[in-house]
Amino acid sequence: MMIGMMRPVTAIGLAVALFAGASPALAASAGALAAMPIEQAATELSPNQFVWKDNGESEPVSIVISLLEQRAFVYRGSSMIAATTISSGKDGKDTPLGTYPILQKNAVHKSSLYDDASMPFMQRLTWDGIAIHAGRNPGFPASHGCIRVPLGFAKQLFGVTTLGTTVTVTDDFEGGAMPEAPVVDQETAVANLRQSVSLDR
């Protein structure tokens, strides 16, 4: 069955990804997700679905990418505010594990490595091409290393992050409580500093 374009539906601060032309069963499923606690809803998502429940408080945002679960989880402080399905790097193009700051943001970015491929709402994690961006989300690893998320989620995420927001990519996180406060590893920090210096020249 072909699924149409996604559109976000918002109700009292909660957005759940719905699909244009979806069957009543799928729409009911999305309604059920909206009624669940966000931690539970995060485990029930189908490819291209996401949940978003942000109270708008001022606590800092952080992101955890679970390669094991093919999920991204967004937190304000220690509270989960959003979750989505993802598509990470396929075999041979694996998404690297680690903790990264967001280095660059561009809402209309195009790839310099892959034939000017569109990468909407791009948020760069490394200077050698790894980023979070909107893209095809089949429910399994299929990218060249980037973390693809649904378009509606990518747009909302772009709006709550800043340069320096911390993103942890892990293969042993299953969701739920925020893991220990992430720290950018020394090797990544040094590489980022060197790149920043070279860009200033």
N, C-alpha and C. Protein backbone atom coordinates (compact mmCIF):
# COMPACT_ATOMS: atom_id res chain seq x y z
N MET A 1 0.85 -1.19 0.00
CA MET A 1 0.00 0.00 0.00
C MET A 1 0.88 1.23 0.00
N MET A 2 0.59 2.16 -0.83
CA MET A 2 1.38 3.40 -0.90
C MET A 2 0.87 4.38 0.13
N ILE A 3 1.77 4.97 0.87
CA ILE A 3 1.42 5.95 1.89
C ILE A 3 1.74 7.33 1.39
N GLY A 4 0.83 8.26 1.57
CA GLY A 4 1.00 9.61 1.06
C GLY A 4 1.92 10.44 1.92
N MET A 5 1.93 11.71 1.65
CA MET A 5 2.81 12.63 2.37
C MET A 5 2.36 12.77 3.81
N MET A 6 3.33 13.02 4.69
CA MET A 6 3.06 13.17 6.10
C MET A 6 2.65 14.60 6.40
N ARG A 7 1.73 14.75 7.36
CA ARG A 7 1.41 16.08 7.85
C ARG A 7 1.30 16.04 9.36
N PRO A 8 1.87 17.02 10.07
CA PRO A 8 1.79 17.00 11.52
C PRO A 8 0.42 17.48 12.00
N VAL A 9 -0.09 16.86 13.07
CA VAL A 9 -1.32 17.29 13.70
C VAL A 9 -0.97 17.66 15.12
N THR A 10 -1.33 18.85 15.56
CA THR A 10 -0.95 19.33 16.88
C THR A 10 -2.18 19.51 17.74
N ALA A 11 -2.13 19.01 18.97
CA ALA A 11 -3.23 19.19 19.91
C ALA A 11 -2.64 19.35 21.30
N ILE A 12 -2.81 20.54 21.88
CA ILE A 12 -2.34 20.86 23.22
C ILE A 12 -0.87 20.48 23.36
N GLY A 13 -0.07 20.92 22.43
CA GLY A 13 1.37 20.72 22.53
C GLY A 13 1.87 19.37 22.07
N LEU A 14 0.97 18.47 21.64
CA LEU A 14 1.40 17.15 21.22
C LEU A 14 1.22 17.01 19.73
N ALA A 15 2.32 16.69 19.02
CA ALA A 15 2.24 16.47 17.58
C ALA A 15 2.49 15.00 17.30
N VAL A 16 1.65 14.41 16.48
CA VAL A 16 1.82 13.02 16.06
C VAL A 16 1.80 13.00 14.55
N ALA A 17 2.73 12.29 13.95
CA ALA A 17 2.78 12.24 12.49
C ALA A 17 1.62 11.43 11.96
N LEU A 18 0.80 12.05 11.09
CA LEU A 18 -0.26 11.37 10.38
C LEU A 18 0.06 11.38 8.90
N PHE A 19 -0.66 10.63 8.12
CA PHE A 19 -0.38 10.51 6.70
C PHE A 19 -1.60 10.89 5.88
N ALA A 20 -1.38 11.73 4.87
CA ALA A 20 -2.47 12.10 3.97
C ALA A 20 -2.97 10.84 3.28
N GLY A 21 -4.28 10.64 3.27
CA GLY A 21 -4.85 9.47 2.62
C GLY A 21 -4.69 8.20 3.40
N ALA A 22 -4.35 8.29 4.69
CA ALA A 22 -4.16 7.09 5.48
C ALA A 22 -5.49 6.39 5.73
N SER A 23 -5.41 5.08 5.99
CA SER A 23 -6.61 4.33 6.29
C SER A 23 -7.13 4.69 7.67
N PRO A 24 -8.42 4.45 7.96
CA PRO A 24 -8.95 4.74 9.29
C PRO A 24 -8.19 4.02 10.39
N ALA A 25 -7.72 2.78 10.09
CA ALA A 25 -6.97 2.03 11.09
C ALA A 25 -5.70 2.75 11.47
N LEU A 26 -4.99 3.29 10.45
CA LEU A 26 -3.74 4.01 10.72
C LEU A 26 -4.02 5.30 11.47
N ALA A 27 -5.10 6.02 11.11
CA ALA A 27 -5.46 7.23 11.82
C ALA A 27 -5.78 6.93 13.27
N ALA A 28 -6.49 5.81 13.54
CA ALA A 28 -6.80 5.42 14.91
C ALA A 28 -5.53 5.12 15.67
N SER A 29 -4.59 4.50 15.01
CA SER A 29 -3.31 4.20 15.65
C SER A 29 -2.61 5.48 16.07
N ALA A 30 -2.64 6.49 15.20
CA ALA A 30 -2.02 7.77 15.54
C ALA A 30 -2.74 8.41 16.71
N GLY A 31 -4.09 8.29 16.75
CA GLY A 31 -4.83 8.81 17.88
C GLY A 31 -4.46 8.10 19.17
N ALA A 32 -4.25 6.80 19.08
CA ALA A 32 -3.83 6.05 20.26
C ALA A 32 -2.46 6.50 20.74
N LEU A 33 -1.56 6.78 19.81
CA LEU A 33 -0.24 7.28 20.18
C LEU A 33 -0.35 8.59 20.95
N ALA A 34 -1.27 9.46 20.51
CA ALA A 34 -1.43 10.76 21.15
C ALA A 34 -1.88 10.63 22.59
N ALA A 35 -2.61 9.54 22.89
CA ALA A 35 -3.13 9.36 24.23
C ALA A 35 -2.13 8.69 25.17
N MET A 36 -1.07 8.13 24.62
CA MET A 36 -0.09 7.41 25.44
C MET A 36 0.90 8.37 26.08
N PRO A 37 1.49 7.98 27.21
CA PRO A 37 2.68 8.70 27.69
C PRO A 37 3.75 8.64 26.60
N ILE A 38 4.52 9.70 26.47
CA ILE A 38 5.44 9.78 25.33
C ILE A 38 6.46 8.65 25.34
N GLU A 39 6.89 8.21 26.52
CA GLU A 39 7.86 7.11 26.57
C GLU A 39 7.29 5.83 25.99
N GLN A 40 5.99 5.60 26.21
CA GLN A 40 5.34 4.43 25.63
C GLN A 40 5.12 4.61 24.14
N ALA A 41 4.63 5.79 23.75
CA ALA A 41 4.38 6.05 22.33
C ALA A 41 5.65 5.86 21.50
N ALA A 42 6.79 6.22 22.08
CA ALA A 42 8.06 6.11 21.36
C ALA A 42 8.36 4.68 20.93
N THR A 43 7.85 3.71 21.69
CA THR A 43 8.12 2.31 21.37
C THR A 43 7.15 1.76 20.33
N GLU A 44 6.08 2.50 20.02
CA GLU A 44 5.01 2.01 19.14
C GLU A 44 5.07 2.61 17.74
N LEU A 45 6.07 3.41 17.45
CA LEU A 45 6.10 4.15 16.19
C LEU A 45 6.38 3.24 15.00
N SER A 46 5.71 3.53 13.90
CA SER A 46 6.00 2.90 12.61
C SER A 46 6.92 3.82 11.82
N PRO A 47 7.57 3.30 10.76
CA PRO A 47 8.44 4.17 9.96
C PRO A 47 7.74 5.44 9.53
N ASN A 48 8.44 6.58 9.67
CA ASN A 48 7.96 7.92 9.32
C ASN A 48 7.01 8.52 10.36
N GLN A 49 6.79 7.86 11.48
CA GLN A 49 5.97 8.44 12.53
C GLN A 49 6.86 9.07 13.61
N PHE A 50 6.31 10.08 14.28
CA PHE A 50 7.00 10.66 15.42
C PHE A 50 5.97 11.21 16.40
N VAL A 51 6.41 11.42 17.62
CA VAL A 51 5.59 12.08 18.64
C VAL A 51 6.39 13.26 19.16
N TRP A 52 5.66 14.33 19.51
CA TRP A 52 6.32 15.56 19.99
C TRP A 52 5.44 16.19 21.06
N LYS A 53 5.95 16.30 22.27
CA LYS A 53 5.21 16.90 23.36
C LYS A 53 6.17 17.77 24.16
N ASP A 54 6.22 19.04 23.80
CA ASP A 54 7.20 19.97 24.36
C ASP A 54 6.48 21.01 25.22
N ASN A 55 6.87 21.10 26.47
CA ASN A 55 6.24 22.08 27.35
C ASN A 55 6.81 23.47 27.18
N GLY A 56 7.86 23.61 26.34
CA GLY A 56 8.41 24.92 26.04
C GLY A 56 9.24 25.53 27.15
N GLU A 57 9.61 24.74 28.14
CA GLU A 57 10.43 25.27 29.22
C GLU A 57 11.83 25.61 28.70
N SER A 58 12.62 26.25 29.54
CA SER A 58 13.90 26.79 29.09
C SER A 58 15.07 25.85 29.32
N GLU A 59 14.83 24.64 29.80
CA GLU A 59 15.94 23.72 30.03
C GLU A 59 16.59 23.36 28.70
N PRO A 60 17.89 23.06 28.73
CA PRO A 60 18.59 22.76 27.48
C PRO A 60 18.10 21.47 26.83
N VAL A 61 18.14 21.46 25.51
CA VAL A 61 17.74 20.30 24.72
C VAL A 61 18.95 19.42 24.45
N SER A 62 18.76 18.12 24.50
CA SER A 62 19.77 17.16 24.07
C SER A 62 19.08 16.05 23.29
N ILE A 63 19.85 15.34 22.48
CA ILE A 63 19.30 14.33 21.57
C ILE A 63 20.08 13.04 21.74
N VAL A 64 19.36 11.92 21.78
CA VAL A 64 19.99 10.60 21.81
C VAL A 64 19.52 9.82 20.59
N ILE A 65 20.46 9.32 19.81
CA ILE A 65 20.17 8.50 18.64
C ILE A 65 20.46 7.05 19.01
N SER A 66 19.46 6.19 18.95
CA SER A 66 19.64 4.76 19.23
C SER A 66 19.70 3.99 17.91
N LEU A 67 20.90 3.54 17.55
CA LEU A 67 21.03 2.74 16.34
C LEU A 67 20.36 1.38 16.52
N LEU A 68 20.38 0.87 17.75
CA LEU A 68 19.75 -0.42 18.05
C LEU A 68 18.26 -0.37 17.77
N GLU A 69 17.59 0.69 18.24
CA GLU A 69 16.15 0.81 18.10
C GLU A 69 15.73 1.57 16.84
N GLN A 70 16.68 2.16 16.12
CA GLN A 70 16.37 3.04 14.99
C GLN A 70 15.36 4.11 15.41
N ARG A 71 15.75 4.79 16.50
CA ARG A 71 14.94 5.86 17.07
C ARG A 71 15.84 7.04 17.42
N ALA A 72 15.24 8.23 17.43
CA ALA A 72 15.86 9.41 18.02
C ALA A 72 14.95 9.89 19.14
N PHE A 73 15.56 10.27 20.26
CA PHE A 73 14.84 10.76 21.43
C PHE A 73 15.34 12.16 21.76
N VAL A 74 14.42 13.07 22.01
CA VAL A 74 14.78 14.45 22.34
C VAL A 74 14.36 14.72 23.78
N TYR A 75 15.26 15.38 24.52
CA TYR A 75 15.02 15.65 25.94
C TYR A 75 15.18 17.14 26.21
N ARG A 76 14.36 17.64 27.15
CA ARG A 76 14.62 18.93 27.80
C ARG A 76 15.01 18.60 29.23
N GLY A 77 16.26 18.89 29.56
CA GLY A 77 16.74 18.42 30.85
C GLY A 77 16.67 16.91 30.86
N SER A 78 15.96 16.34 31.84
CA SER A 78 15.84 14.89 31.94
C SER A 78 14.51 14.37 31.40
N SER A 79 13.66 15.24 30.86
CA SER A 79 12.33 14.85 30.39
C SER A 79 12.30 14.65 28.88
N MET A 80 11.79 13.49 28.45
CA MET A 80 11.64 13.25 27.02
C MET A 80 10.52 14.12 26.48
N ILE A 81 10.78 14.82 25.37
CA ILE A 81 9.75 15.67 24.75
C ILE A 81 9.39 15.23 23.34
N ALA A 82 10.18 14.33 22.74
CA ALA A 82 9.90 13.91 21.37
C ALA A 82 10.64 12.61 21.07
N ALA A 83 10.10 11.88 20.10
CA ALA A 83 10.76 10.66 19.63
C ALA A 83 10.33 10.41 18.19
N THR A 84 11.19 9.77 17.44
CA THR A 84 10.90 9.48 16.04
C THR A 84 11.62 8.22 15.60
N THR A 85 11.12 7.62 14.53
CA THR A 85 11.88 6.60 13.84
C THR A 85 12.97 7.29 13.01
N ILE A 86 14.05 6.57 12.76
CA ILE A 86 15.15 7.09 11.96
C ILE A 86 15.58 6.06 10.92
N SER A 87 16.45 6.48 10.03
CA SER A 87 17.20 5.56 9.19
C SER A 87 18.66 5.99 9.26
N SER A 88 19.49 5.15 9.86
CA SER A 88 20.92 5.46 10.01
C SER A 88 21.73 4.83 8.89
N GLY A 89 23.04 4.82 9.03
CA GLY A 89 23.92 4.34 7.98
C GLY A 89 23.82 2.84 7.73
N LYS A 90 23.78 2.47 6.46
CA LYS A 90 23.72 1.06 6.08
C LYS A 90 25.09 0.41 6.27
N ASP A 91 25.17 -0.92 6.11
CA ASP A 91 26.43 -1.64 6.24
C ASP A 91 27.48 -1.05 5.32
N GLY A 92 28.65 -0.79 5.88
CA GLY A 92 29.74 -0.20 5.10
C GLY A 92 29.72 1.32 5.13
N LYS A 93 28.61 1.91 5.55
CA LYS A 93 28.47 3.37 5.69
C LYS A 93 27.90 3.68 7.07
N ASP A 94 28.40 2.95 8.06
CA ASP A 94 27.81 3.00 9.40
C ASP A 94 27.88 4.40 10.00
N THR A 95 26.80 4.77 10.68
CA THR A 95 26.79 6.02 11.45
C THR A 95 27.73 5.86 12.64
N PRO A 96 28.71 6.75 12.82
CA PRO A 96 29.69 6.57 13.89
C PRO A 96 29.10 6.84 15.27
N LEU A 97 29.49 6.01 16.22
CA LEU A 97 29.09 6.20 17.61
C LEU A 97 29.87 7.36 18.21
N GLY A 98 29.27 8.01 19.21
CA GLY A 98 29.98 9.09 19.89
C GLY A 98 29.02 10.18 20.35
N THR A 99 29.58 11.18 20.96
CA THR A 99 28.81 12.34 21.40
C THR A 99 29.32 13.56 20.67
N TYR A 100 28.42 14.28 20.02
CA TYR A 100 28.79 15.36 19.12
C TYR A 100 27.99 16.63 19.43
N PRO A 101 28.59 17.79 19.25
CA PRO A 101 27.81 19.03 19.28
C PRO A 101 27.29 19.32 17.88
N ILE A 102 26.15 19.96 17.78
CA ILE A 102 25.69 20.42 16.47
C ILE A 102 26.62 21.55 16.03
N LEU A 103 27.23 21.36 14.87
CA LEU A 103 28.26 22.28 14.38
C LEU A 103 27.73 23.31 13.39
N GLN A 104 26.68 22.97 12.69
CA GLN A 104 26.17 23.82 11.62
C GLN A 104 24.70 23.47 11.39
N LYS A 105 23.89 24.47 11.04
CA LYS A 105 22.48 24.26 10.73
C LYS A 105 22.16 24.95 9.41
N ASN A 106 21.40 24.25 8.55
CA ASN A 106 21.02 24.83 7.26
C ASN A 106 19.70 24.20 6.83
N ALA A 107 18.66 25.01 6.75
CA ALA A 107 17.33 24.49 6.44
C ALA A 107 17.19 24.00 5.01
N VAL A 108 18.05 24.47 4.10
CA VAL A 108 17.91 24.11 2.68
C VAL A 108 19.22 23.53 2.14
N HIS A 109 19.88 22.74 2.91
CA HIS A 109 21.20 22.21 2.54
C HIS A 109 21.11 21.18 1.42
N LYS A 110 22.16 21.14 0.60
CA LYS A 110 22.33 20.09 -0.41
C LYS A 110 23.69 19.43 -0.22
N SER A 111 23.74 18.13 -0.45
CA SER A 111 24.95 17.36 -0.21
C SER A 111 26.05 17.74 -1.19
N SER A 112 27.26 17.92 -0.66
CA SER A 112 28.43 18.14 -1.52
C SER A 112 29.09 16.82 -1.89
N LEU A 113 28.62 15.71 -1.31
CA LEU A 113 29.22 14.39 -1.55
C LEU A 113 28.37 13.52 -2.47
N TYR A 114 27.05 13.73 -2.47
CA TYR A 114 26.15 12.81 -3.17
C TYR A 114 25.23 13.57 -4.13
N ASP A 115 25.80 14.08 -5.20
CA ASP A 115 25.04 14.63 -6.33
C ASP A 115 24.02 15.69 -5.93
N ASP A 116 24.42 16.60 -5.05
CA ASP A 116 23.53 17.68 -4.62
C ASP A 116 22.21 17.19 -4.04
N ALA A 117 22.24 16.01 -3.43
CA ALA A 117 21.02 15.47 -2.83
C ALA A 117 20.47 16.43 -1.78
N SER A 118 19.16 16.60 -1.78
CA SER A 118 18.52 17.50 -0.83
C SER A 118 18.60 16.94 0.58
N MET A 119 18.97 17.79 1.53
CA MET A 119 19.07 17.41 2.95
C MET A 119 18.36 18.47 3.79
N PRO A 120 17.01 18.50 3.72
CA PRO A 120 16.28 19.57 4.42
C PRO A 120 16.52 19.57 5.92
N PHE A 121 16.61 20.77 6.48
CA PHE A 121 16.78 20.96 7.93
C PHE A 121 18.00 20.20 8.45
N MET A 122 19.10 20.35 7.71
CA MET A 122 20.35 19.69 8.05
C MET A 122 20.96 20.26 9.32
N GLN A 123 21.41 19.35 10.20
CA GLN A 123 22.13 19.73 11.41
C GLN A 123 23.40 18.88 11.47
N ARG A 124 24.54 19.53 11.23
CA ARG A 124 25.81 18.82 11.05
C ARG A 124 26.38 18.36 12.39
N LEU A 125 26.84 17.10 12.40
CA LEU A 125 27.49 16.54 13.60
C LEU A 125 28.99 16.40 13.43
N THR A 126 29.46 16.17 12.21
CA THR A 126 30.90 16.06 11.95
C THR A 126 31.22 16.82 10.67
N TRP A 127 32.48 17.21 10.53
CA TRP A 127 32.88 17.96 9.34
C TRP A 127 33.15 17.05 8.15
N ASP A 128 33.09 15.72 8.35
CA ASP A 128 33.29 14.83 7.21
C ASP A 128 31.97 14.25 6.71
N GLY A 129 30.83 14.89 7.05
CA GLY A 129 29.61 14.57 6.33
C GLY A 129 28.47 13.95 7.12
N ILE A 130 28.60 13.73 8.42
CA ILE A 130 27.52 13.12 9.19
C ILE A 130 26.60 14.21 9.72
N ALA A 131 25.29 14.03 9.51
CA ALA A 131 24.32 15.04 9.92
C ALA A 131 22.98 14.39 10.21
N ILE A 132 22.13 15.12 10.90
CA ILE A 132 20.71 14.77 11.02
C ILE A 132 19.96 15.60 9.99
N HIS A 133 19.09 14.97 9.22
CA HIS A 133 18.30 15.73 8.24
C HIS A 133 17.07 14.95 7.83
N ALA A 134 16.12 15.62 7.21
CA ALA A 134 14.94 14.95 6.69
C ALA A 134 15.32 14.08 5.50
N GLY A 135 14.69 12.91 5.42
CA GLY A 135 14.98 12.03 4.31
C GLY A 135 14.18 10.74 4.37
N ARG A 136 14.41 9.88 3.41
CA ARG A 136 13.66 8.60 3.31
C ARG A 136 13.86 7.79 4.58
N ASN A 137 12.78 7.26 5.07
CA ASN A 137 12.78 6.61 6.38
C ASN A 137 12.08 5.26 6.28
N PRO A 138 12.75 4.23 5.74
CA PRO A 138 12.08 2.95 5.52
C PRO A 138 11.94 2.07 6.75
N GLY A 139 12.55 2.48 7.88
CA GLY A 139 12.44 1.69 9.09
C GLY A 139 13.65 0.82 9.37
N PHE A 140 14.71 1.01 8.57
CA PHE A 140 15.94 0.26 8.78
C PHE A 140 17.11 1.10 8.28
N PRO A 141 18.35 0.75 8.63
CA PRO A 141 19.51 1.54 8.18
C PRO A 141 19.63 1.53 6.66
N ALA A 142 19.64 2.71 6.04
CA ALA A 142 19.68 2.79 4.58
C ALA A 142 20.44 4.01 4.07
N SER A 143 21.03 4.81 4.96
CA SER A 143 21.67 6.05 4.52
C SER A 143 23.16 5.83 4.26
N HIS A 144 23.84 6.90 3.84
CA HIS A 144 25.29 6.86 3.65
C HIS A 144 26.04 7.21 4.94
N GLY A 145 25.33 7.22 6.06
CA GLY A 145 25.95 7.52 7.34
C GLY A 145 25.19 8.58 8.13
N CYS A 146 24.41 9.40 7.42
CA CYS A 146 23.60 10.41 8.10
C CYS A 146 22.44 9.76 8.84
N ILE A 147 21.78 10.56 9.66
CA ILE A 147 20.61 10.11 10.42
C ILE A 147 19.40 10.78 9.79
N ARG A 148 18.62 10.01 9.05
CA ARG A 148 17.43 10.53 8.39
C ARG A 148 16.24 10.47 9.33
N VAL A 149 15.45 11.53 9.32
CA VAL A 149 14.25 11.60 10.15
C VAL A 149 13.09 12.11 9.29
N PRO A 150 11.84 11.91 9.72
CA PRO A 150 10.70 12.44 8.96
C PRO A 150 10.78 13.96 8.83
N LEU A 151 10.24 14.48 7.73
CA LEU A 151 10.33 15.91 7.45
C LEU A 151 9.72 16.76 8.56
N GLY A 152 8.53 16.39 9.03
CA GLY A 152 7.89 17.18 10.08
C GLY A 152 8.71 17.21 11.36
N PHE A 153 9.31 16.08 11.70
CA PHE A 153 10.16 16.03 12.89
C PHE A 153 11.42 16.87 12.68
N ALA A 154 12.03 16.75 11.49
CA ALA A 154 13.25 17.51 11.21
C ALA A 154 13.01 19.00 11.37
N LYS A 155 11.85 19.48 10.91
CA LYS A 155 11.54 20.90 11.00
C LYS A 155 11.37 21.33 12.45
N GLN A 156 10.66 20.54 13.24
CA GLN A 156 10.47 20.90 14.65
C GLN A 156 11.78 20.82 15.42
N LEU A 157 12.59 19.81 15.14
CA LEU A 157 13.88 19.68 15.83
C LEU A 157 14.78 20.87 15.51
N PHE A 158 14.77 21.29 14.25
CA PHE A 158 15.57 22.43 13.82
C PHE A 158 15.22 23.67 14.63
N GLY A 159 13.96 23.77 15.03
CA GLY A 159 13.50 24.96 15.73
C GLY A 159 13.86 25.00 17.20
N VAL A 160 14.24 23.86 17.79
CA VAL A 160 14.53 23.85 19.24
C VAL A 160 16.00 23.67 19.57
N THR A 161 16.83 23.38 18.58
CA THR A 161 18.25 23.20 18.82
C THR A 161 19.03 24.49 18.55
N THR A 162 20.26 24.51 19.04
CA THR A 162 21.19 25.59 18.76
C THR A 162 22.54 24.98 18.41
N LEU A 163 23.44 25.78 17.88
CA LEU A 163 24.80 25.29 17.70
C LEU A 163 25.34 24.90 19.07
N GLY A 164 25.92 23.72 19.14
CA GLY A 164 26.43 23.22 20.41
C GLY A 164 25.50 22.25 21.11
N THR A 165 24.23 22.16 20.68
CA THR A 165 23.33 21.16 21.27
C THR A 165 23.98 19.78 21.15
N THR A 166 23.91 19.00 22.22
CA THR A 166 24.61 17.72 22.26
C THR A 166 23.77 16.60 21.66
N VAL A 167 24.41 15.80 20.80
CA VAL A 167 23.78 14.64 20.18
C VAL A 167 24.63 13.42 20.51
N THR A 168 24.05 12.42 21.16
CA THR A 168 24.74 11.18 21.48
C THR A 168 24.23 10.08 20.57
N VAL A 169 25.15 9.43 19.85
CA VAL A 169 24.81 8.31 18.97
C VAL A 169 25.31 7.04 19.65
N THR A 170 24.39 6.12 19.95
CA THR A 170 24.74 4.93 20.72
C THR A 170 24.09 3.70 20.11
N ASP A 171 24.64 2.53 20.45
CA ASP A 171 24.04 1.28 19.97
C ASP A 171 23.49 0.44 21.12
N ASP A 172 23.37 1.04 22.31
CA ASP A 172 22.89 0.25 23.45
C ASP A 172 21.85 0.98 24.29
N PHE A 173 21.12 1.90 23.67
CA PHE A 173 20.09 2.65 24.39
C PHE A 173 18.73 2.28 23.83
N GLU A 174 17.77 1.98 24.72
CA GLU A 174 16.45 1.52 24.29
C GLU A 174 15.34 2.51 24.61
N GLY A 175 15.71 3.73 24.98
CA GLY A 175 14.70 4.73 25.28
C GLY A 175 14.42 4.81 26.76
N GLY A 176 13.49 5.71 27.13
CA GLY A 176 13.15 5.89 28.53
C GLY A 176 13.91 7.04 29.14
N ALA A 177 14.42 6.82 30.35
CA ALA A 177 15.09 7.89 31.08
C ALA A 177 16.32 8.38 30.33
N MET A 178 16.57 9.68 30.45
CA MET A 178 17.75 10.29 29.84
C MET A 178 19.01 9.64 30.39
N PRO A 179 19.94 9.20 29.52
CA PRO A 179 21.20 8.65 30.03
C PRO A 179 22.02 9.73 30.72
N GLU A 180 23.12 9.33 31.33
CA GLU A 180 23.96 10.28 32.04
C GLU A 180 24.35 11.43 31.12
N ALA A 181 24.53 12.60 31.72
CA ALA A 181 24.85 13.80 30.94
C ALA A 181 26.01 13.53 29.99
N PRO A 182 25.79 13.68 28.67
CA PRO A 182 26.83 13.37 27.70
C PRO A 182 27.92 14.43 27.67
N VAL A 183 29.12 13.99 27.35
CA VAL A 183 30.26 14.89 27.22
C VAL A 183 30.92 14.61 25.88
N VAL A 184 31.21 15.66 25.13
CA VAL A 184 31.89 15.49 23.85
C VAL A 184 33.29 14.94 24.12
N ASP A 185 33.63 13.82 23.45
CA ASP A 185 34.92 13.22 23.72
C ASP A 185 36.06 14.11 23.22
N GLN A 186 37.24 13.91 23.78
CA GLN A 186 38.37 14.81 23.52
C GLN A 186 38.77 14.82 22.05
N GLU A 187 38.76 13.64 21.42
CA GLU A 187 39.16 13.57 20.01
C GLU A 187 38.22 14.40 19.14
N THR A 188 36.91 14.29 19.40
CA THR A 188 35.94 15.07 18.64
C THR A 188 36.12 16.56 18.89
N ALA A 189 36.32 16.92 20.15
CA ALA A 189 36.49 18.33 20.50
C ALA A 189 37.70 18.94 19.80
N VAL A 190 38.82 18.20 19.76
CA VAL A 190 40.04 18.69 19.11
C VAL A 190 39.81 18.84 17.61
N ALA A 191 39.14 17.85 16.99
CA ALA A 191 38.87 17.91 15.55
C ALA A 191 37.98 19.10 15.21
N ASN A 192 36.98 19.34 16.05
CA ASN A 192 36.09 20.47 15.82
C ASN A 192 36.85 21.79 15.92
N LEU A 193 37.74 21.89 16.92
CA LEU A 193 38.51 23.11 17.11
C LEU A 193 39.41 23.36 15.90
N ARG A 194 40.08 22.33 15.42
CA ARG A 194 40.97 22.49 14.26
C ARG A 194 40.19 22.95 13.03
N GLN A 195 38.99 22.35 12.84
CA GLN A 195 38.20 22.72 11.67
C GLN A 195 37.73 24.17 11.81
N SER A 196 37.32 24.57 13.01
CA SER A 196 36.86 25.94 13.22
C SER A 196 37.98 26.92 12.92
N VAL A 197 39.20 26.61 13.37
CA VAL A 197 40.34 27.47 13.12
C VAL A 197 40.61 27.59 11.63
N SER A 198 40.54 26.46 10.91
CA SER A 198 40.81 26.50 9.47
C SER A 198 39.76 27.31 8.74
N LEU A 199 38.50 27.29 9.21
CA LEU A 199 37.44 28.06 8.56
C LEU A 199 37.60 29.55 8.80
N ASP A 200 38.27 29.90 9.89
CA ASP A 200 38.47 31.32 10.21
C ASP A 200 39.61 31.94 9.42
N ARG A 201 40.43 31.13 8.78
CA ARG A 201 41.60 31.66 8.06
C ARG A 201 41.20 32.31 6.75
